Amino acid sequence: MKKKIKYSDEPIDAKVVDDFLPSPEELVPRDEKVKVTIALSRESVEFFKAEAKRLDTNYQKMIRNLLDIYVKRHNLNTD
């Protein structure tokens, strides 16, 4: 048998804290994007499309993220 909880009428010592969670809008990254036209090999596009389908995401987003990671790593090595 579970142990019963005994409640009392003692005052509760509580304080209100400011909302520290970000708004939903702050959770969506708003990186500035620039539209470009680029010719890629069929093999590369097919690879990213297949992986994107498997991972239920967008292949263009995967390519963009790959380029962003490359830039970040390259910039770290040049500082």
Protein backbone atom coordinates (compact mmCIF):
# COMPACT_ATOMS: atom_id res chain seq x y z
CA MET A 1 0.00 0.00 0.00
CA LYS A 2 1.26 3.48 -0.85
CA LYS A 3 2.22 5.85 1.92
CA LYS A 4 -0.40 8.59 2.36
CA ILE A 5 0.60 12.21 2.02
CA LYS A 6 -0.27 14.37 4.98
CA TYR A 7 -1.11 17.97 4.09
CA SER A 8 -0.88 20.87 6.51
CA ASP A 9 -2.10 24.47 6.56
CA GLU A 10 1.42 25.89 6.90
CA PRO A 11 2.19 28.99 4.81
CA ILE A 12 4.03 28.41 1.56
CA ASP A 13 7.26 30.35 1.12
CA ALA A 14 7.21 31.19 -2.60
CA LYS A 15 8.53 33.97 -4.77
CA VAL A 16 7.74 35.02 -8.33
CA VAL A 17 10.62 34.81 -10.78
CA ASP A 18 10.91 36.62 -14.09
CA ASP A 19 10.19 34.60 -17.21
CA PHE A 20 13.63 33.40 -18.28
CA LEU A 21 12.58 31.24 -21.22
CA PRO A 22 12.99 32.63 -24.73
CA SER A 23 9.92 33.37 -26.80
CA PRO A 24 9.06 30.91 -29.58
CA GLU A 25 10.23 33.49 -32.13
CA GLU A 26 13.68 33.54 -30.50
CA LEU A 27 13.99 29.77 -30.97
CA VAL A 28 13.81 30.03 -34.76
CA PRO A 29 17.17 31.01 -36.22
CA ARG A 30 16.85 33.89 -38.66
CA ASP A 31 20.17 33.73 -40.48
CA GLU A 32 20.38 36.05 -43.42
CA LYS A 33 20.28 33.98 -46.57
CA VAL A 34 21.44 34.93 -50.05
CA LYS A 35 19.96 33.17 -53.06
CA VAL A 36 22.56 31.81 -55.48
CA THR A 37 22.55 29.63 -58.56
CA ILE A 38 25.11 26.85 -58.50
CA ALA A 39 25.73 23.85 -60.72
CA LEU A 40 26.44 20.69 -58.74
CA SER A 41 27.25 17.21 -59.93
CA ARG A 42 24.29 14.88 -60.34
CA GLU A 43 25.98 12.44 -57.96
CA SER A 44 26.20 15.07 -55.19
CA VAL A 45 22.59 16.18 -55.59
CA GLU A 46 21.33 12.60 -55.66
CA PHE A 47 23.33 11.82 -52.53
CA PHE A 48 21.91 14.77 -50.60
CA LYS A 49 18.37 14.11 -51.83
CA ALA A 50 18.57 10.46 -50.72
CA GLU A 51 20.01 11.37 -47.31
CA ALA A 52 17.46 14.14 -46.84
CA LYS A 53 14.63 11.74 -47.63
CA ARG A 54 16.05 9.17 -45.20
CA LEU A 55 16.35 11.83 -42.48
CA ASP A 56 13.05 13.54 -43.33
CA THR A 57 14.58 16.93 -44.03
CA ASN A 58 15.39 19.26 -46.92
CA TYR A 59 18.42 18.50 -49.09
CA GLN A 60 19.15 22.17 -49.73
CA LYS A 61 19.23 22.78 -45.98
CA MET A 62 21.75 19.94 -45.62
CA ILE A 63 24.01 21.46 -48.28
CA ARG A 64 23.68 24.91 -46.68
CA ASN A 65 24.59 23.47 -43.26
CA LEU A 66 27.58 21.66 -44.75
CA LEU A 67 28.87 24.90 -46.25
CA ASP A 68 28.26 26.77 -42.97
CA ILE A 69 30.26 24.16 -41.04
CA TYR A 70 33.09 24.37 -43.57
CA VAL A 71 33.20 28.17 -43.26
CA LYS A 72 33.21 28.07 -39.45
CA ARG A 73 36.04 25.55 -39.34
CA HIS A 74 38.05 27.41 -41.97
CA ASN A 75 37.60 30.70 -40.11
CA LEU A 76 38.80 29.10 -36.87
CA ASN A 77 42.03 28.01 -38.59
CA THR A 78 42.78 31.48 -39.98
CA ASP A 79 42.44 33.47 -36.73
